[in-house]
């Protein structure tokens, strides 16, 4: 068990002004049980771990946000940044490029988001999901940054295996060559709703301009995609963070509300920019 349980417990006790006995009562265990945990954290029952973090979240203690703020204060400078990796379970050992799927946004890589909320939201539907906070040293690495533009849309479609006959287009080949020798990519995050919009562009239903404005309406922030062992060597895991069920539900509800609002923006963008820009055949012919 590598969650910072004892640090989190002390934060909760301090903020709620609780004695150890009161904390034990709040999570349904004895004081003796907590003393035993202190000697052997691996003996903590998963249900008790869940009870502690759920209690803290219900009482308004946002442990992961507190930790994020502290890390940003301590570890962020011109050459370092704090990022977040949502995991369906946990990372075994060190991050490994070979454990990543080939059909991700930019193929195999270690994917991290700039936002705690977005990174947690993407894994909140999984029962054993958790969150990692990492510090990234940007020095002496080659990178490419994409915006919400035509090049990014084509790259997402390529790595997702959606380009079909257009894969051998000179435009696609040039884009692939441009990222061949880089260590990491910074690019917008794409979710299932955005994939649907990009599919409409690839299928010739909308132009690149319509697609770009629709995608801008569903902005999820940026992700960092680490592509090489050299880049991974400069990624340091700072903390493995527990996601309580109530916290996951909070992120999912927030996302649901955002999707409902953005759906209307997408409809307006498709109509407002109809006929502007180029269709996929014109770009990649």
Protein backbone atom coordinates (compact mmCIF):
# COMPACT_ATOMS: atom_id res chain seq x y z
CA UNK A 1 0.00 0.00 0.00
CA UNK A 2 1.81 3.12 -1.20
CA UNK A 3 -0.88 5.74 -0.59
CA UNK A 4 0.33 8.51 1.80
CA UNK A 5 -2.16 7.32 4.41
CA UNK A 6 -0.39 8.60 7.52
CA UNK A 7 0.27 12.02 6.05
CA UNK A 8 -3.37 12.21 4.95
CA UNK A 9 -4.57 11.08 8.37
CA UNK A 10 -2.60 13.82 10.11
CA UNK A 11 -3.98 16.43 7.68
CA UNK A 12 -7.55 15.27 8.36
CA UNK A 13 -7.03 15.24 12.13
CA UNK A 14 -5.54 18.74 12.01
CA UNK A 15 -8.26 20.24 9.81
CA UNK A 16 -11.15 18.58 11.65
CA UNK A 17 -9.52 18.96 15.09
CA UNK A 18 -10.05 15.25 15.83
CA UNK A 19 -8.41 13.06 18.42
CA UNK A 20 -7.17 9.65 17.37
CA UNK A 21 -10.13 8.07 19.18
CA UNK A 22 -12.57 10.31 17.30
CA UNK A 23 -10.93 9.42 14.01
CA UNK A 24 -11.15 5.72 14.83
CA UNK A 25 -14.87 6.07 15.57
CA UNK A 26 -15.43 8.01 12.34
CA UNK A 27 -14.06 5.18 10.21
CA UNK A 28 -15.48 2.36 12.30
CA UNK A 29 -12.35 0.86 13.89
CA UNK A 30 -10.70 0.78 17.29
CA UNK A 31 -7.79 2.91 18.44
CA UNK A 32 -5.83 -0.34 18.77
CA UNK A 33 -6.44 -1.10 15.09
CA UNK A 34 -5.01 2.27 14.05
CA UNK A 35 -1.96 1.64 16.24
CA UNK A 36 -1.48 -1.67 14.44
CA UNK A 37 -1.70 0.10 11.06
CA UNK A 38 1.10 2.41 12.14
CA UNK A 39 3.39 -0.58 12.58
CA UNK A 40 2.29 -2.25 9.34
CA UNK A 41 0.48 -0.15 6.72
CA UNK A 42 0.01 -3.24 4.54
CA UNK A 43 -2.38 -4.58 7.19
CA UNK A 44 -4.93 -1.86 6.46
CA UNK A 45 -8.12 -3.46 5.18
CA UNK A 46 -9.24 -1.98 1.81
CA UNK A 47 -12.70 -1.32 3.26
CA UNK A 48 -11.17 0.72 6.10
CA UNK A 49 -9.01 2.63 3.65
CA UNK A 50 -12.14 3.44 1.64
CA UNK A 51 -13.98 4.44 4.82
CA UNK A 52 -11.24 6.90 5.82
CA UNK A 53 -10.98 8.64 2.45
CA UNK A 54 -14.76 8.72 1.99
CA UNK A 55 -15.20 10.27 5.43
CA UNK A 56 -12.59 12.93 4.64
CA UNK A 57 -14.22 13.84 1.32
CA UNK A 58 -17.73 13.95 2.82
CA UNK A 59 -16.46 16.36 5.47
CA UNK A 60 -15.09 18.67 2.79
CA UNK A 61 -11.41 17.74 3.04
CA UNK A 62 -9.99 17.67 -0.50
CA UNK A 63 -6.77 15.82 0.21
CA UNK A 64 -5.70 15.48 -3.42
CA UNK A 65 -6.23 19.19 -4.11
CA UNK A 66 -4.24 20.07 -0.99
CA UNK A 67 -1.40 17.83 -2.11
CA UNK A 68 -1.52 19.31 -5.63
CA UNK A 69 -1.23 22.86 -4.27
CA UNK A 70 1.69 21.94 -2.05
CA UNK A 71 3.53 20.19 -4.89
CA UNK A 72 2.97 23.13 -7.23
CA UNK A 73 4.46 25.46 -4.64
CA UNK A 74 7.46 23.22 -3.94
CA UNK A 75 8.29 21.73 -7.32
CA UNK A 76 7.17 24.07 -10.11
CA UNK A 77 9.69 26.33 -11.83
CA UNK A 78 10.82 27.25 -15.36
CA UNK A 79 12.10 23.74 -16.08
CA UNK A 80 9.69 21.61 -14.03
CA UNK A 81 5.95 21.12 -14.07
CA UNK A 82 3.43 19.05 -12.09
CA UNK A 83 1.31 16.57 -14.05
CA UNK A 84 -1.26 13.88 -13.29
CA UNK A 85 -1.72 10.30 -14.46
CA UNK A 86 -5.03 8.53 -13.96
CA UNK A 87 -4.60 4.76 -13.57
CA UNK A 88 -7.31 2.10 -13.84
CA UNK A 89 -5.51 0.26 -11.03
CA UNK A 90 -1.92 1.17 -10.15
CA UNK A 91 1.53 1.45 -11.72
CA UNK A 92 3.63 -1.64 -11.10
CA UNK A 93 7.26 -0.58 -10.77
CA UNK A 94 8.20 2.36 -12.97
CA UNK A 95 6.21 3.75 -15.91
CA UNK A 96 6.84 1.53 -18.96
CA UNK A 97 6.18 2.52 -22.58
CA UNK A 98 5.63 -1.11 -23.58
CA UNK A 99 2.63 -1.40 -21.28
CA UNK A 100 0.79 1.28 -23.23
CA UNK A 101 -1.70 0.51 -26.01
CA UNK A 102 -0.70 1.21 -29.63
CA UNK A 103 -4.01 2.84 -30.55
CA UNK A 104 -3.83 5.71 -28.06
CA UNK A 105 -3.91 9.32 -29.28
CA UNK A 106 -0.21 9.25 -30.25
CA UNK A 107 0.49 5.53 -30.03
CA UNK A 108 2.51 3.96 -27.25
CA UNK A 109 3.48 6.39 -24.52
CA UNK A 110 3.04 7.43 -20.91
CA UNK A 111 0.11 9.87 -20.84
CA UNK A 112 -0.29 12.60 -18.23
CA UNK A 113 -2.69 15.53 -17.97
CA UNK A 114 -2.15 19.09 -16.79
CA UNK A 115 -5.34 18.95 -14.73
CA UNK A 116 -5.95 16.80 -11.65
CA UNK A 117 -9.70 16.84 -12.27
CA UNK A 118 -9.50 15.73 -15.91
CA UNK A 119 -6.96 12.99 -15.19
CA UNK A 120 -9.08 11.63 -12.35
CA UNK A 121 -12.31 11.93 -14.32
CA UNK A 122 -11.07 9.68 -17.12
CA UNK A 123 -10.60 6.75 -14.72
CA UNK A 124 -13.42 7.41 -12.26
CA UNK A 125 -15.64 4.71 -13.79
CA UNK A 126 -13.18 2.00 -12.76
CA UNK A 127 -13.58 0.43 -9.27
CA UNK A 128 -9.87 0.27 -8.40
CA UNK A 129 -8.70 3.45 -10.13
CA UNK A 130 -6.27 5.88 -8.55
CA UNK A 131 -4.26 8.98 -9.37
CA UNK A 132 -0.53 9.70 -9.60
CA UNK A 133 1.05 13.12 -9.24
CA UNK A 134 4.36 13.46 -11.06
CA UNK A 135 7.05 16.06 -11.55
CA UNK A 136 8.43 16.43 -15.06
CA UNK A 137 11.84 17.90 -15.85
CA UNK A 138 11.57 19.51 -19.30
CA UNK A 139 15.27 20.20 -19.75
CA UNK A 140 17.21 18.86 -22.79
CA UNK A 141 14.29 17.10 -24.44
CA UNK A 142 12.84 17.52 -27.93
CA UNK A 143 9.09 18.08 -28.07
CA UNK A 144 6.26 19.15 -30.34
CA UNK A 145 3.15 21.03 -29.28
CA UNK A 146 -0.19 20.69 -31.06
CA UNK A 147 -3.17 22.97 -30.75
CA UNK A 148 -6.77 22.25 -31.70
CA UNK A 149 -5.95 22.38 -35.40
CA UNK A 150 -5.95 20.35 -38.60
CA UNK A 151 -2.60 18.68 -37.91
CA UNK A 152 -3.73 17.45 -34.50
CA UNK A 153 -7.02 16.12 -35.90
CA UNK A 154 -5.20 14.16 -38.61
CA UNK A 155 -2.66 12.75 -36.13
CA UNK A 156 -5.41 11.54 -33.76
CA UNK A 157 -7.19 9.86 -36.68
CA UNK A 158 -3.95 8.25 -37.87
CA UNK A 159 -2.98 6.72 -34.52
CA UNK A 160 -6.56 5.61 -33.91
CA UNK A 161 -6.48 3.75 -37.23
CA UNK A 162 -9.20 5.83 -38.86
CA UNK A 163 -7.47 7.27 -41.95
CA UNK A 164 -7.79 4.19 -44.15
CA UNK A 165 -6.83 5.04 -47.73
CA UNK A 166 -5.43 8.41 -46.64
CA UNK A 167 -2.62 6.93 -44.51
CA UNK A 168 -0.13 7.15 -47.38
CA UNK A 169 -0.93 10.79 -48.13
CA UNK A 170 2.11 13.05 -48.31
CA UNK A 171 0.51 15.30 -45.68
CA UNK A 172 0.21 12.39 -43.23
CA UNK A 173 3.72 11.13 -43.92
CA UNK A 174 5.13 14.62 -43.35
CA UNK A 175 3.32 14.89 -40.01
CA UNK A 176 4.59 11.47 -38.90
CA UNK A 177 8.14 12.43 -39.83
CA UNK A 178 7.81 15.62 -37.78
CA UNK A 179 7.32 13.66 -34.54
CA UNK A 180 9.67 10.74 -35.30
CA UNK A 181 12.64 12.00 -33.27
CA UNK A 182 10.95 13.85 -30.44
CA UNK A 183 10.79 12.83 -26.78
CA UNK A 184 7.35 14.09 -25.85
CA UNK A 185 4.24 15.73 -27.22
CA UNK A 186 1.96 18.36 -25.70
CA UNK A 187 -1.51 18.20 -27.24
CA UNK A 188 -5.19 18.64 -26.40
CA UNK A 189 -6.88 15.76 -24.60
CA UNK A 190 -9.41 13.86 -26.71
CA UNK A 191 -12.32 11.93 -25.24
CA UNK A 192 -14.98 9.74 -26.89
CA UNK A 193 -17.13 12.74 -27.78
CA UNK A 194 -14.18 14.37 -29.54
CA UNK A 195 -13.41 11.12 -31.38
CA UNK A 196 -16.96 11.18 -32.74
CA UNK A 197 -16.41 14.72 -34.05
CA UNK A 198 -13.08 13.76 -35.64
CA UNK A 199 -14.78 10.71 -37.20
CA UNK A 200 -17.33 13.06 -38.80
CA UNK A 201 -14.42 14.98 -40.33
CA UNK A 202 -12.68 11.80 -41.55
CA UNK A 203 -15.97 10.51 -43.00
CA UNK A 204 -16.36 13.73 -44.99
CA UNK A 205 -19.44 14.94 -43.12
CA UNK A 206 -17.87 18.21 -41.91
CA UNK A 207 -14.94 20.43 -42.93
CA UNK A 208 -11.73 20.97 -41.00
CA UNK A 209 -12.96 24.40 -39.86
CA UNK A 210 -16.24 22.97 -38.57
CA UNK A 211 -14.34 20.19 -36.85
CA UNK A 212 -11.88 22.56 -35.21
CA UNK A 213 -14.60 24.79 -33.79
CA UNK A 214 -16.62 21.82 -32.58
CA UNK A 215 -13.56 20.42 -30.84
CA UNK A 216 -12.76 23.79 -29.27
CA UNK A 217 -16.23 23.72 -27.74
CA UNK A 218 -15.34 20.51 -25.89
CA UNK A 219 -11.95 21.67 -24.58
CA UNK A 220 -10.51 19.28 -21.96
CA UNK A 221 -7.09 20.86 -21.53
CA UNK A 222 -3.69 19.53 -22.57
CA UNK A 223 -1.92 16.23 -22.08
CA UNK A 224 1.77 15.35 -22.12
CA UNK A 225 2.66 12.18 -24.01
CA UNK A 226 6.09 10.78 -23.13
CA UNK A 227 7.38 8.76 -26.07
CA UNK A 228 10.98 7.82 -25.26
CA UNK A 229 12.90 6.22 -22.37
CA UNK A 230 14.87 9.47 -22.15
CA UNK A 231 11.68 11.41 -21.45
CA UNK A 232 10.47 8.85 -18.91
CA UNK A 233 13.73 9.16 -17.00
CA UNK A 234 12.78 12.77 -16.31
CA UNK A 235 9.35 11.88 -14.93
CA UNK A 236 9.35 11.45 -11.15
CA UNK A 237 6.34 10.03 -9.31
CA UNK A 238 5.70 12.25 -6.30
CA UNK A 239 2.61 10.63 -4.85
CA UNK A 240 0.07 7.85 -5.39
CA UNK A 241 -3.32 9.32 -4.49
CA UNK A 242 -6.46 7.52 -3.36
CA UNK A 243 -9.73 8.29 -5.14
CA UNK A 244 -12.71 7.87 -2.82
CA UNK A 245 -16.01 6.80 -4.37
CA UNK A 246 -17.53 10.18 -3.49
CA UNK A 247 -14.65 11.96 -5.16
CA UNK A 248 -15.04 9.87 -8.32
CA UNK A 249 -18.76 10.62 -8.40
CA UNK A 250 -17.97 14.33 -8.04
CA UNK A 251 -15.69 14.25 -11.10
CA UNK A 252 -18.17 12.21 -13.16
CA UNK A 253 -21.05 14.54 -12.32
CA UNK A 254 -18.93 17.57 -13.22
CA UNK A 255 -18.06 15.95 -16.55
CA UNK A 256 -21.70 15.12 -17.24
CA UNK A 257 -22.71 18.74 -16.74
CA UNK A 258 -19.87 19.90 -18.98
CA UNK A 259 -20.84 17.45 -21.74
CA UNK A 260 -24.45 18.65 -21.69
CA UNK A 261 -23.36 22.27 -22.01
CA UNK A 262 -20.77 21.55 -24.72
CA UNK A 263 -23.26 19.52 -26.78
CA UNK A 264 -25.15 22.73 -27.57
CA UNK A 265 -21.91 24.52 -28.44
CA UNK A 266 -21.03 21.76 -30.91
CA UNK A 267 -24.44 22.03 -32.64
CA UNK A 268 -24.02 25.78 -33.05
CA UNK A 269 -20.43 25.41 -34.32
CA UNK A 270 -21.45 22.84 -36.97
CA UNK A 271 -24.14 25.20 -38.26
CA UNK A 272 -22.23 28.47 -37.98
CA UNK A 273 -19.13 27.23 -39.86
CA UNK A 274 -20.92 25.06 -42.44
CA UNK A 275 -19.23 25.31 -45.84
CA UNK A 276 -16.08 26.95 -44.46
CA UNK A 277 -12.72 25.22 -44.76
CA UNK A 278 -11.85 21.99 -46.57
CA UNK A 279 -13.10 18.42 -46.50
CA UNK A 280 -10.73 15.54 -45.80
CA UNK A 281 -10.49 14.53 -49.48
CA UNK A 282 -9.35 18.03 -50.44
CA UNK A 283 -6.65 18.07 -47.76
CA UNK A 284 -5.20 14.59 -48.22
CA UNK A 285 -5.78 13.90 -51.92
